[in-house]
């Protein structure tokens, strides 16, 4: 009895790794750092609260774009959470789900980088 096709399995594998590593573990660490780090250095808040808010909204928008790739006609990205397989050959290009995955992770990455800049500037 087969529950998923090969393509659906690859999509599930890709999205599970993406969600757990890049959209869960990273913001969990950043959230704890956002709550604890100002208390540790004796600051009432981070150095740039609006940058903190922008980094959150960029991360949220990127995560929503990644998750909305499930609703495309060809499905979500199916090339693994490291995005290595389709980039190794020229015969296969990602479709809309893969493009949404890349764009969503780029936005989430920008949000994470802006949060890190805010943390570093608060500590310094």
Protein backbone atom coordinates (compact mmCIF):
# COMPACT_ATOMS: atom_id res chain seq x y z
CA UNK A 1 0.00 0.00 0.00
CA UNK A 2 1.52 3.27 -1.12
CA UNK A 3 0.38 6.52 0.48
CA UNK A 4 2.56 8.94 -1.46
CA UNK A 5 3.95 9.00 -4.96
CA UNK A 6 7.68 9.49 -5.46
CA UNK A 7 7.14 13.18 -6.21
CA UNK A 8 4.93 13.68 -3.15
CA UNK A 9 7.52 11.93 -0.98
CA UNK A 10 10.24 14.28 -2.24
CA UNK A 11 7.97 17.26 -1.59
CA UNK A 12 7.23 16.05 1.95
CA UNK A 13 10.92 15.40 2.61
CA UNK A 14 11.90 18.85 1.32
CA UNK A 15 9.23 20.75 3.19
CA UNK A 16 9.75 18.81 6.42
CA UNK A 17 13.46 19.64 6.44
CA UNK A 18 12.80 23.24 5.50
CA UNK A 19 10.14 23.79 8.13
CA UNK A 20 11.96 22.04 10.96
CA UNK A 21 15.46 23.40 10.36
CA UNK A 22 14.95 26.76 8.73
CA UNK A 23 11.47 27.84 9.81
CA UNK A 24 11.34 26.37 13.33
CA UNK A 25 14.81 25.99 14.86
CA UNK A 26 16.12 29.35 13.66
CA UNK A 27 13.21 31.49 14.90
CA UNK A 28 13.06 29.56 18.17
CA UNK A 29 16.68 30.46 18.88
CA UNK A 30 16.14 34.05 17.72
CA UNK A 31 13.03 34.40 19.89
CA UNK A 32 14.85 33.22 23.00
CA UNK A 33 17.77 35.50 22.18
CA UNK A 34 15.38 38.40 21.66
CA UNK A 35 13.86 37.87 25.09
CA UNK A 36 16.98 37.00 27.09
CA UNK A 37 19.84 38.96 25.51
CA UNK A 38 18.66 42.49 26.50
CA UNK A 39 18.14 41.27 30.07
CA UNK A 40 21.64 39.82 30.19
CA UNK A 41 23.30 43.08 29.19
CA UNK A 42 20.98 45.31 31.23
CA UNK A 43 19.21 46.95 28.32
CA UNK A 44 15.46 47.63 28.34
CA UNK A 45 15.10 46.56 24.69
CA UNK A 46 17.14 45.83 21.58
CA UNK A 47 19.00 48.70 19.92
CA UNK A 48 16.63 49.02 16.95
CA UNK A 49 13.10 47.88 17.79
CA UNK A 50 11.75 48.75 14.33
CA UNK A 51 14.49 46.71 12.68
CA UNK A 52 13.50 43.90 15.02
CA UNK A 53 9.90 44.23 13.84
CA UNK A 54 10.97 44.34 10.18
CA UNK A 55 13.06 41.20 10.61
CA UNK A 56 10.07 39.41 12.13
CA UNK A 57 7.71 40.41 9.33
CA UNK A 58 10.23 39.48 6.63
CA UNK A 59 10.72 36.10 8.26
CA UNK A 60 6.96 35.57 8.56
CA UNK A 61 6.34 36.59 4.94
CA UNK A 62 9.11 34.30 3.74
CA UNK A 63 7.73 31.39 5.73
CA UNK A 64 4.23 31.97 4.37
CA UNK A 65 5.57 32.04 0.81
CA UNK A 66 7.40 28.75 1.41
CA UNK A 67 4.27 27.14 2.84
CA UNK A 68 2.02 28.51 0.10
CA UNK A 69 4.08 26.62 -2.48
CA UNK A 70 1.98 23.57 -1.54
CA UNK A 71 -0.97 25.21 -3.28
CA UNK A 72 0.65 25.55 -6.71
CA UNK A 73 -0.47 23.25 -9.51
CA UNK A 74 2.77 21.25 -9.55
CA UNK A 75 3.14 21.16 -5.79
CA UNK A 76 5.84 22.24 -3.41
CA UNK A 77 9.57 22.10 -3.97
CA UNK A 78 10.82 18.53 -4.24
CA UNK A 79 14.59 18.77 -4.36
CA UNK A 80 15.58 18.32 -0.72
CA UNK A 81 16.04 20.99 1.90
CA UNK A 82 19.64 21.52 0.77
CA UNK A 83 18.47 22.30 -2.82
CA UNK A 84 21.32 20.34 -4.35
CA UNK A 85 19.73 17.84 -6.73
CA UNK A 86 18.18 20.00 -9.47
CA UNK A 87 21.10 22.39 -9.49
CA UNK A 88 23.54 19.59 -10.40
CA UNK A 89 22.15 19.16 -13.91
CA UNK A 90 20.85 21.47 -16.59
CA UNK A 91 18.02 19.20 -17.71
CA UNK A 92 15.71 20.03 -14.82
CA UNK A 93 14.66 23.45 -13.66
CA UNK A 94 12.45 24.17 -10.66
CA UNK A 95 8.85 25.03 -11.31
CA UNK A 96 6.71 27.59 -9.47
CA UNK A 97 6.80 25.66 -6.17
CA UNK A 98 10.59 25.56 -6.27
CA UNK A 99 10.79 29.23 -7.16
CA UNK A 100 8.48 30.10 -4.26
CA UNK A 101 10.66 27.97 -1.96
CA UNK A 102 13.79 29.85 -3.03
CA UNK A 103 12.15 33.29 -2.76
CA UNK A 104 10.56 32.49 0.61
CA UNK A 105 13.84 31.28 2.05
CA UNK A 106 15.60 34.37 0.71
CA UNK A 107 13.11 36.62 2.53
CA UNK A 108 13.34 34.53 5.69
CA UNK A 109 17.13 34.68 5.43
CA UNK A 110 17.08 38.47 5.10
CA UNK A 111 14.88 38.63 8.18
CA UNK A 112 17.30 36.43 10.10
CA UNK A 113 20.29 38.52 9.01
CA UNK A 114 18.56 41.76 10.04
CA UNK A 115 17.76 40.22 13.42
CA UNK A 116 21.40 39.20 13.84
CA UNK A 117 22.55 42.73 12.96
CA UNK A 118 20.16 44.06 15.59
CA UNK A 119 21.47 41.63 18.21
CA UNK A 120 25.09 42.47 17.46
CA UNK A 121 24.45 46.22 17.54
CA UNK A 122 22.60 45.83 20.85
CA UNK A 123 25.51 43.96 22.40
CA UNK A 124 28.11 46.42 21.09
